[in-house]
Amino acid sequence: MSETALSAGTAAKTAVLVAPAPHPVSGRPCAGPGDLAALALARRLGRAFVVLHAGDADKEALADYLAQGAAAIAVLQPPADSDPTPALIAALCDFELILCGERSGGGEASALLPYLLAEGLDRPLLPGVLSLTEEGGEWRALQGLARGRRRRLAAQAPLLASVKPDGAEPRWSWAGLQRGVVTRRAAAGEPVPAPRLEPARRARALAAQRGSGLERLLGAIAGDDAAAGGRVVKQGDSVEKAQAVLDYLRQHRLVDF
């Protein structure tokens, strides 16, 4: 791929994948929040990067990306109704770092593409990252988990990272939109594999829970460790009750003071 977007970034070792999706209200093609977060992360890294899209989107559909920091976008155009994954794997094999959103905003939005690319490129995948830094040849990421939890991940390049939409930075530049360049190249595609249907597996029946509603609530709070369950504080003044709450939060490491 030696056209404008990639020839301008022949020294770039970072690629950002984007896929416009229809707006939920107007239906107009627009940038997905995960794509914008990946684009914002690439800008924060301060490295040269290439933006890549596989599909038949026109410049109007890609306009949001041009206006929000993509100087040029290379478009791979596989045959209609074909699987673009092989074309993406072939185009991305020389990049050290590949960024993409967790899932696309349109189509099936199965969130499988990062995993398929990581498998096809034989690279580690850092999923759901919020930030990414390089230290001594190792990439370290902060991963966003449910309920606001965070986890630190690390991997050696080359690697692929899917970015949570939380990191998107609102910005829009008319000048960037006018300067932006979209280049196109035909790409080989493969037929989309037929879906494989399997009988639904019957969920394992849970043992009947006994006890009062309060006991079941305390058991849910405790999880697998019954000894770590909560307790109801009825006696004492407001200071003592507040201290009990604070002790509980400290016990479960929900606060650090």
C-alpha atoms as a PDB file:
ATOM      1  CA  MET A   1       0.000   0.000   0.000  1.00  0.00           C
ATOM      2  CA  SER A   2       2.038   2.900  -1.268  1.00  0.00           C
ATOM      3  CA  GLU A   3      -0.676   5.474  -1.964  1.00  0.00           C
ATOM      4  CA  THR A   4      -0.939   8.868  -0.317  1.00  0.00           C
ATOM      5  CA  ALA A   5      -2.049   7.899   3.164  1.00  0.00           C
ATOM      6  CA  LEU A   6       0.472   5.113   3.542  1.00  0.00           C
ATOM      7  CA  SER A   7       3.273   6.609   1.471  1.00  0.00           C
ATOM      8  CA  ALA A   8       3.118   9.665   3.709  1.00  0.00           C
ATOM      9  CA  GLY A   9       3.407   7.349   6.648  1.00  0.00           C
ATOM     10  CA  THR A  10       5.928   4.821   5.380  1.00  0.00           C
ATOM     11  CA  ALA A  11       7.961   5.492   8.522  1.00  0.00           C
ATOM     12  CA  ALA A  12       4.856   5.196  10.702  1.00  0.00           C
ATOM     13  CA  LYS A  13       4.714   2.105  12.865  1.00  0.00           C
ATOM     14  CA  THR A  14       1.233   2.797  14.251  1.00  0.00           C
ATOM     15  CA  ALA A  15      -2.070   2.135  12.487  1.00  0.00           C
ATOM     16  CA  VAL A  16      -5.556   3.212  13.555  1.00  0.00           C
ATOM     17  CA  LEU A  17      -8.565   1.310  12.216  1.00  0.00           C
ATOM     18  CA  VAL A  18     -11.839   3.172  11.701  1.00  0.00           C
ATOM     19  CA  ALA A  19     -15.307   2.174  10.535  1.00  0.00           C
ATOM     20  CA  PRO A  20     -18.091   4.771  10.161  1.00  0.00           C
ATOM     21  CA  ALA A  21     -21.482   3.807  11.514  1.00  0.00           C
ATOM     22  CA  PRO A  22     -24.978   5.240  10.954  1.00  0.00           C
ATOM     23  CA  HIS A  23     -26.066   7.837  13.499  1.00  0.00           C
ATOM     24  CA  PRO A  24     -28.793   6.332  15.734  1.00  0.00           C
ATOM     25  CA  VAL A  25     -31.171   9.251  15.049  1.00  0.00           C
ATOM     26  CA  SER A  26     -30.383  10.741  11.632  1.00  0.00           C
ATOM     27  CA  GLY A  27     -28.932   7.621  10.009  1.00  0.00           C
ATOM     28  CA  ARG A  28     -26.078   9.719   8.579  1.00  0.00           C
ATOM     29  CA  PRO A  29     -22.698   7.948   8.565  1.00  0.00           C
ATOM     30  CA  CYS A  30     -20.549   9.264  11.390  1.00  0.00           C
ATOM     31  CA  ALA A  31     -17.501   8.316  13.403  1.00  0.00           C
ATOM     32  CA  GLY A  32     -17.917   5.731  16.137  1.00  0.00           C
ATOM     33  CA  PRO A  33     -16.908   6.723  19.687  1.00  0.00           C
ATOM     34  CA  GLY A  34     -14.466   3.824  19.947  1.00  0.00           C
ATOM     35  CA  ASP A  35     -12.743   4.886  16.721  1.00  0.00           C
ATOM     36  CA  LEU A  36     -12.449   8.470  17.958  1.00  0.00           C
ATOM     37  CA  ALA A  37     -10.961   7.237  21.237  1.00  0.00           C
ATOM     38  CA  ALA A  38      -8.379   5.194  19.301  1.00  0.00           C
ATOM     39  CA  LEU A  39      -7.591   8.225  17.150  1.00  0.00           C
ATOM     40  CA  ALA A  40      -7.220  10.444  20.242  1.00  0.00           C
ATOM     41  CA  LEU A  41      -4.910   7.873  21.854  1.00  0.00           C
ATOM     42  CA  ALA A  42      -2.742   7.782  18.722  1.00  0.00           C
ATOM     43  CA  ARG A  43      -2.407  11.576  18.836  1.00  0.00           C
ATOM     44  CA  ARG A  44      -1.462  11.512  22.528  1.00  0.00           C
ATOM     45  CA  LEU A  45       1.311   9.019  21.824  1.00  0.00           C
ATOM     46  CA  GLY A  46       3.030  11.627  19.637  1.00  0.00           C
ATOM     47  CA  ARG A  47       4.005   9.074  16.995  1.00  0.00           C
ATOM     48  CA  ALA A  48       3.333   9.143  13.268  1.00  0.00           C
ATOM     49  CA  PHE A  49       0.309   7.000  12.477  1.00  0.00           C
ATOM     50  CA  VAL A  50      -1.757   5.813   9.538  1.00  0.00           C
ATOM     51  CA  VAL A  51      -5.560   5.649   9.504  1.00  0.00           C
ATOM     52  CA  LEU A  52      -7.082   2.707   7.668  1.00  0.00           C
ATOM     53  CA  HIS A  53     -10.641   1.721   6.747  1.00  0.00           C
ATOM     54  CA  ALA A  54     -11.807  -1.439   5.003  1.00  0.00           C
ATOM     55  CA  GLY A  55     -15.064  -1.031   3.108  1.00  0.00           C
ATOM     56  CA  ASP A  56     -16.793   1.220   0.614  1.00  0.00           C
ATOM     57  CA  ALA A  57     -17.276   4.386   2.704  1.00  0.00           C
ATOM     58  CA  ASP A  58     -17.009   7.650   0.775  1.00  0.00           C
ATOM     59  CA  LYS A  59     -15.286  10.844   1.933  1.00  0.00           C
ATOM     60  CA  GLU A  60     -18.506  12.219   3.380  1.00  0.00           C
ATOM     61  CA  ALA A  61     -18.822   9.168   5.632  1.00  0.00           C
ATOM     62  CA  LEU A  62     -15.173   9.536   6.697  1.00  0.00           C
ATOM     63  CA  ALA A  63     -15.396  13.305   7.187  1.00  0.00           C
ATOM     64  CA  ASP A  64     -15.613  13.100  10.979  1.00  0.00           C
ATOM     65  CA  TYR A  65     -12.256  11.343  11.162  1.00  0.00           C
ATOM     66  CA  LEU A  66     -10.586  13.924   8.923  1.00  0.00           C
ATOM     67  CA  ALA A  67     -12.006  16.738  11.022  1.00  0.00           C
ATOM     68  CA  GLN A  68     -10.859  15.113  14.257  1.00  0.00           C
ATOM     69  CA  GLY A  69      -7.206  14.523  13.555  1.00  0.00           C
ATOM     70  CA  ALA A  70      -6.750  12.080  10.672  1.00  0.00           C
ATOM     71  CA  ALA A  71      -4.582  13.805   8.047  1.00  0.00           C
ATOM     72  CA  ALA A  72      -5.265  11.046   5.518  1.00  0.00           C
ATOM     73  CA  ILE A  73      -7.271   7.826   5.389  1.00  0.00           C
ATOM     74  CA  ALA A  74      -6.394   4.798   3.307  1.00  0.00           C
ATOM     75  CA  VAL A  75      -9.472   2.863   2.207  1.00  0.00           C
ATOM     76  CA  LEU A  76      -9.223  -0.809   1.327  1.00  0.00           C
ATOM     77  CA  GLN A  77     -12.069  -1.845  -0.963  1.00  0.00           C
ATOM     78  CA  PRO A  78     -12.645  -5.599  -0.939  1.00  0.00           C
ATOM     79  CA  PRO A  79     -15.462  -7.031  -3.057  1.00  0.00           C
ATOM     80  CA  ALA A  80     -18.978  -6.356  -1.820  1.00  0.00           C
ATOM     81  CA  ASP A  81     -20.308  -8.792   0.796  1.00  0.00           C
ATOM     82  CA  SER A  82     -16.850 -10.255   1.400  1.00  0.00           C
ATOM     83  CA  ASP A  83     -14.884 -10.647   4.609  1.00  0.00           C
ATOM     84  CA  PRO A  84     -12.378  -7.759   4.913  1.00  0.00           C
ATOM     85  CA  THR A  85     -10.344  -9.439   7.668  1.00  0.00           C
ATOM     86  CA  PRO A  86      -7.768 -11.096   5.339  1.00  0.00           C
ATOM     87  CA  ALA A  87      -7.179  -7.765   3.530  1.00  0.00           C
ATOM     88  CA  LEU A  88      -6.651  -6.014   6.865  1.00  0.00           C
ATOM     89  CA  ILE A  89      -4.224  -8.671   8.046  1.00  0.00           C
ATOM     90  CA  ALA A  90      -2.165  -8.305   4.871  1.00  0.00           C
ATOM     91  CA  ALA A  91      -2.120  -4.495   5.171  1.00  0.00           C
ATOM     92  CA  LEU A  92      -1.241  -4.405   8.865  1.00  0.00           C
ATOM     93  CA  CYS A  93       1.564  -6.947   9.052  1.00  0.00           C
ATOM     94  CA  ASP A  94       4.343  -4.295   9.063  1.00  0.00           C
ATOM     95  CA  PHE A  95       2.925  -2.109  11.840  1.00  0.00           C
ATOM     96  CA  GLU A  96       4.202  -2.411  15.404  1.00  0.00           C
ATOM     97  CA  LEU A  97       1.110  -0.955  17.091  1.00  0.00           C
ATOM     98  CA  ILE A  98      -2.476  -1.284  15.868  1.00  0.00           C
ATOM     99  CA  LEU A  99      -5.284   0.637  17.558  1.00  0.00           C
ATOM    100  CA  CYS A 100      -9.010   0.210  17.042  1.00  0.00           C
ATOM    101  CA  GLY A 101     -12.277   0.680  18.912  1.00  0.00           C
ATOM    102  CA  GLU A 102     -13.731  -2.110  21.002  1.00  0.00           C
ATOM    103  CA  ARG A 103     -16.587  -2.576  18.536  1.00  0.00           C
ATOM    104  CA  SER A 104     -18.027  -0.870  15.497  1.00  0.00           C
ATOM    105  CA  GLY A 105     -21.131   1.239  15.751  1.00  0.00           C
ATOM    106  CA  GLY A 106     -22.881  -0.491  12.883  1.00  0.00           C
ATOM    107  CA  GLY A 107     -23.321  -3.915  11.344  1.00  0.00           C
ATOM    108  CA  GLU A 108     -23.230  -6.848  13.729  1.00  0.00           C
ATOM    109  CA  ALA A 109     -20.975  -4.989  16.197  1.00  0.00           C
ATOM    110  CA  SER A 110     -19.793  -8.360  17.503  1.00  0.00           C
ATOM    111  CA  ALA A 111     -16.474  -6.930  18.823  1.00  0.00           C
ATOM    112  CA  LEU A 112     -14.675  -9.915  17.285  1.00  0.00           C
ATOM    113  CA  LEU A 113     -12.472  -8.022  14.820  1.00  0.00           C
ATOM    114  CA  PRO A 114      -9.654  -7.171  17.305  1.00  0.00           C
ATOM    115  CA  TYR A 115      -9.455 -10.829  18.292  1.00  0.00           C
ATOM    116  CA  LEU A 116      -9.515 -12.047  14.674  1.00  0.00           C
ATOM    117  CA  LEU A 117      -6.736  -9.625  13.736  1.00  0.00           C
ATOM    118  CA  ALA A 118      -4.650 -10.579  16.777  1.00  0.00           C
ATOM    119  CA  GLU A 119      -5.048 -14.234  15.879  1.00  0.00           C
ATOM    120  CA  GLY A 120      -4.288 -13.672  12.183  1.00  0.00           C
ATOM    121  CA  LEU A 121      -1.231 -11.521  12.938  1.00  0.00           C
ATOM    122  CA  ASP A 122      -0.108 -13.754  15.817  1.00  0.00           C
ATOM    123  CA  ARG A 123       0.159 -10.802  18.213  1.00  0.00           C
ATOM    124  CA  PRO A 124      -0.957 -10.095  21.760  1.00  0.00           C
ATOM    125  CA  LEU A 125      -4.141  -8.095  22.231  1.00  0.00           C
ATOM    126  CA  LEU A 126      -4.669  -5.533  24.992  1.00  0.00           C
ATOM    127  CA  PRO A 127      -8.472  -5.199  25.171  1.00  0.00           C
ATOM    128  CA  GLY A 128     -10.491  -2.276  26.458  1.00  0.00           C
ATOM    129  CA  VAL A 129      -7.599   0.097  27.150  1.00  0.00           C
ATOM    130  CA  LEU A 130      -7.962   3.676  28.375  1.00  0.00           C
ATOM    131  CA  SER A 131      -4.326   4.754  28.128  1.00  0.00           C
ATOM    132  CA  LEU A 132      -1.124   3.389  26.648  1.00  0.00           C
ATOM    133  CA  THR A 133       2.527   4.213  27.243  1.00  0.00           C
ATOM    134  CA  GLU A 134       5.853   2.782  26.106  1.00  0.00           C
ATOM    135  CA  GLU A 135       8.574   2.162  28.666  1.00  0.00           C
ATOM    136  CA  GLY A 136      11.807   0.422  27.784  1.00  0.00           C
ATOM    137  CA  GLY A 137      10.412  -1.317  24.725  1.00  0.00           C
ATOM    138  CA  GLU A 138       7.354  -2.541  26.625  1.00  0.00           C
ATOM    139  CA  TRP A 139       3.847  -1.168  26.141  1.00  0.00           C
ATOM    140  CA  ARG A 140       1.871  -0.639  29.330  1.00  0.00           C
ATOM    141  CA  ALA A 141      -1.881  -0.106  29.273  1.00  0.00           C
ATOM    142  CA  LEU A 142      -4.563   0.855  31.746  1.00  0.00           C
ATOM    143  CA  GLN A 143      -7.599  -1.326  31.102  1.00  0.00           C
ATOM    144  CA  GLY A 144     -11.118  -0.218  31.984  1.00  0.00           C
ATOM    145  CA  LEU A 145     -13.270  -2.850  33.685  1.00  0.00           C
ATOM    146  CA  ALA A 146     -16.853  -2.984  34.895  1.00  0.00           C
ATOM    147  CA  ARG A 147     -17.954  -0.803  37.812  1.00  0.00           C
ATOM    148  CA  GLY A 148     -15.136   1.652  37.271  1.00  0.00           C
ATOM    149  CA  ARG A 149     -12.376  -0.806  38.134  1.00  0.00           C
ATOM    150  CA  ARG A 150      -8.978  -0.546  36.460  1.00  0.00           C
ATOM    151  CA  ARG A 151      -6.249  -3.065  35.668  1.00  0.00           C
ATOM    152  CA  ARG A 152      -2.735  -2.615  34.326  1.00  0.00           C
ATOM    153  CA  LEU A 153      -1.587  -4.708  31.369  1.00  0.00           C
ATOM    154  CA  ALA A 154       1.757  -4.988  29.598  1.00  0.00           C
ATOM    155  CA  ALA A 155       2.967  -6.562  26.360  1.00  0.00           C
ATOM    156  CA  GLN A 156       5.878  -6.397  23.973  1.00  0.00           C
ATOM    157  CA  ALA A 157       5.476  -4.963  20.478  1.00  0.00           C
ATOM    158  CA  PRO A 158       4.211  -5.763  17.946  1.00  0.00           C
ATOM    159  CA  LEU A 159       0.745  -5.757  19.454  1.00  0.00           C
ATOM    160  CA  LEU A 160      -2.861  -4.733  18.965  1.00  0.00           C
ATOM    161  CA  ALA A 161      -5.002  -2.725  21.396  1.00  0.00           C
ATOM    162  CA  SER A 162      -8.741  -2.112  21.383  1.00  0.00           C
ATOM    163  CA  VAL A 163      -9.690   1.221  22.967  1.00  0.00           C
ATOM    164  CA  LYS A 164     -12.713   1.946  25.141  1.00  0.00           C
ATOM    165  CA  PRO A 165     -14.869   4.861  23.950  1.00  0.00           C
ATOM    166  CA  ASP A 166     -14.313   6.680  27.273  1.00  0.00           C
ATOM    167  CA  GLY A 167     -11.073   8.139  25.916  1.00  0.00           C
ATOM    168  CA  ALA A 168     -12.641  10.096  23.046  1.00  0.00           C
ATOM    169  CA  GLU A 169     -11.686  13.782  22.957  1.00  0.00           C
ATOM    170  CA  PRO A 170     -14.268  16.133  21.411  1.00  0.00           C
ATOM    171  CA  ARG A 171     -12.599  18.260  18.749  1.00  0.00           C
ATOM    172  CA  TRP A 172     -13.555  19.278  15.231  1.00  0.00           C
ATOM    173  CA  SER A 173     -11.491  21.176  12.687  1.00  0.00           C
ATOM    174  CA  TRP A 174     -12.893  22.541   9.441  1.00  0.00           C
ATOM    175  CA  ALA A 175      -9.355  23.104   8.166  1.00  0.00           C
ATOM    176  CA  GLY A 176      -8.506  19.474   8.919  1.00  0.00           C
ATOM    177  CA  LEU A 177     -11.578  18.342   7.003  1.00  0.00           C
ATOM    178  CA  GLN A 178     -10.572  20.404   3.968  1.00  0.00           C
ATOM    179  CA  ARG A 179      -6.929  19.259   4.048  1.00  0.00           C
ATOM    180  CA  GLY A 180      -7.760  15.616   4.664  1.00  0.00           C
ATOM    181  CA  VAL A 181      -7.062  13.111   1.896  1.00  0.00           C
ATOM    182  CA  VAL A 182      -8.857   9.827   1.243  1.00  0.00           C
ATOM    183  CA  THR A 183      -7.095   7.298  -0.971  1.00  0.00           C
ATOM    184  CA  ARG A 184      -8.516   4.008  -2.200  1.00  0.00           C
ATOM    185  CA  ARG A 185      -7.113   0.689  -3.207  1.00  0.00           C
ATOM    186  CA  ALA A 186      -8.815  -2.502  -4.324  1.00  0.00           C
ATOM    187  CA  ALA A 187      -8.205  -5.414  -1.990  1.00  0.00           C
ATOM    188  CA  ALA A 188      -8.835  -9.119  -2.142  1.00  0.00           C
ATOM    189  CA  GLY A 189     -11.641 -10.490  -0.039  1.00  0.00           C
ATOM    190  CA  GLU A 190     -12.955 -13.844   1.021  1.00  0.00           C
ATOM    191  CA  PRO A 191     -16.547 -15.027   1.274  1.00  0.00           C
ATOM    192  CA  VAL A 192     -18.118 -14.380   4.629  1.00  0.00           C
ATOM    193  CA  PRO A 193     -18.290 -17.738   6.428  1.00  0.00           C
ATOM    194  CA  ALA A 194     -21.799 -19.007   6.973  1.00  0.00           C
ATOM    195  CA  PRO A 195     -22.939 -18.768  10.583  1.00  0.00           C
ATOM    196  CA  ARG A 196     -22.897 -22.023  12.505  1.00  0.00           C
ATOM    197  CA  LEU A 197     -26.032 -22.638  14.525  1.00  0.00           C
ATOM    198  CA  GLU A 198     -25.932 -24.818  17.609  1.00  0.00           C
ATOM    199  CA  PRO A 199     -28.631 -25.839  20.060  1.00  0.00           C
ATOM    200  CA  ALA A 200     -28.805 -23.562  23.063  1.00  0.00           C
ATOM    201  CA  ARG A 201     -27.181 -25.001  26.133  1.00  0.00           C
ATOM    202  CA  ARG A 202     -29.441 -25.339  29.103  1.00  0.00           C
ATOM    203  CA  ALA A 203     -28.187 -23.304  32.012  1.00  0.00           C
ATOM    204  CA  ARG A 204     -27.293 -25.255  35.106  1.00  0.00           C
ATOM    205  CA  ALA A 205     -30.142 -25.074  37.583  1.00  0.00           C
ATOM    206  CA  LEU A 206     -29.209 -23.077  40.629  1.00  0.00           C
ATOM    207  CA  ALA A 207     -29.826 -24.525  44.029  1.00  0.00           C
ATOM    208  CA  ALA A 208     -32.892 -23.114  45.696  1.00  0.00           C
ATOM    209  CA  GLN A 209     -31.942 -20.307  47.997  1.00  0.00           C
ATOM    210  CA  ARG A 210     -33.440 -20.369  51.419  1.00  0.00           C
ATOM    211  CA  GLY A 211     -33.666 -17.764  54.099  1.00  0.00           C
ATOM    212  CA  SER A 212     -35.177 -14.345  54.429  1.00  0.00           C
ATOM    213  CA  GLY A 213     -34.749 -11.561  51.913  1.00  0.00           C
ATOM    214  CA  LEU A 214     -32.235  -9.841  54.190  1.00  0.00           C
ATOM    215  CA  GLU A 215     -30.143 -12.997  54.455  1.00  0.00           C
ATOM    216  CA  ARG A 216     -30.084 -13.409  50.675  1.00  0.00           C
ATOM    217  CA  LEU A 217     -29.122  -9.744  50.277  1.00  0.00           C
ATOM    218  CA  LEU A 218     -26.239 -10.108  52.721  1.00  0.00           C
ATOM    219  CA  GLY A 219     -25.141 -13.259  50.928  1.00  0.00           C
ATOM    220  CA  ALA A 220     -25.097 -11.410  47.606  1.00  0.00           C
ATOM    221  CA  ILE A 221     -22.995  -8.653  49.145  1.00  0.00           C
ATOM    222  CA  ALA A 222     -20.575 -11.173  50.584  1.00  0.00           C
ATOM    223  CA  GLY A 223     -20.176 -13.113  47.344  1.00  0.00           C
ATOM    224  CA  ASP A 224     -18.311 -16.364  47.850  1.00  0.00           C
ATOM    225  CA  ASP A 225     -16.966 -15.302  51.224  1.00  0.00           C
ATOM    226  CA  ALA A 226     -19.823 -15.327  53.709  1.00  0.00           C
ATOM    227  CA  ALA A 227     -17.566 -13.953  56.411  1.00  0.00           C
ATOM    228  CA  ALA A 228     -17.053 -10.794  54.376  1.00  0.00           C
ATOM    229  CA  GLY A 229     -20.773  -9.999  54.243  1.00  0.00           C
ATOM    230  CA  GLY A 230     -22.241  -6.686  55.158  1.00  0.00           C
ATOM    231  CA  ARG A 231     -24.067  -5.926  58.374  1.00  0.00           C
ATOM    232  CA  VAL A 232     -26.991  -3.756  59.313  1.00  0.00           C
ATOM    233  CA  VAL A 233     -26.178  -1.032  61.826  1.00  0.00           C
ATOM    234  CA  LYS A 234     -29.244  -0.006  63.810  1.00  0.00           C
ATOM    235  CA  GLN A 235     -27.693   1.218  67.035  1.00  0.00           C
ATOM    236  CA  GLY A 236     -25.496   4.280  67.601  1.00  0.00           C
ATOM    237  CA  ASP A 237     -25.492   7.839  66.404  1.00  0.00           C
ATOM    238  CA  SER A 238     -24.785   9.125  62.915  1.00  0.00           C
ATOM    239  CA  VAL A 239     -21.016   9.317  63.544  1.00  0.00           C
ATOM    240  CA  GLU A 240     -20.836   5.663  64.560  1.00  0.00           C
ATOM    241  CA  LYS A 241     -22.902   4.602  61.562  1.00  0.00           C
ATOM    242  CA  ALA A 242     -20.732   6.642  59.233  1.00  0.00           C
ATOM    243  CA  GLN A 243     -17.645   5.005  60.756  1.00  0.00           C
ATOM    244  CA  ALA A 244     -19.152   1.582  60.097  1.00  0.00           C
ATOM    245  CA  VAL A 245     -19.675   2.475  56.448  1.00  0.00           C
ATOM    246  CA  LEU A 246     -16.124   3.809  56.179  1.00  0.00           C
ATOM    247  CA  ASP A 247     -14.723   0.648  57.785  1.00  0.00           C
ATOM    248  CA  TYR A 248     -16.605  -1.449  55.228  1.00  0.00           C
ATOM    249  CA  LEU A 249     -15.261   0.600  52.319  1.00  0.00           C
ATOM    250  CA  ARG A 250     -11.718   0.281  53.642  1.00  0.00           C
ATOM    251  CA  GLN A 251     -12.106  -3.435  54.196  1.00  0.00           C
ATOM    252  CA  HIS A 252     -13.055  -3.932  50.556  1.00  0.00           C
ATOM    253  CA  ARG A 253     -10.412  -1.447  49.333  1.00  0.00           C
ATOM    254  CA  LEU A 254     -12.983   0.860  47.814  1.00  0.00           C
ATOM    255  CA  VAL A 255     -11.300   3.904  49.341  1.00  0.00           C
ATOM    256  CA  ASP A 256      -7.632   4.553  50.095  1.00  0.00           C
ATOM    257  CA  PHE A 257      -7.768   6.974  53.015  1.00  0.00           C
END
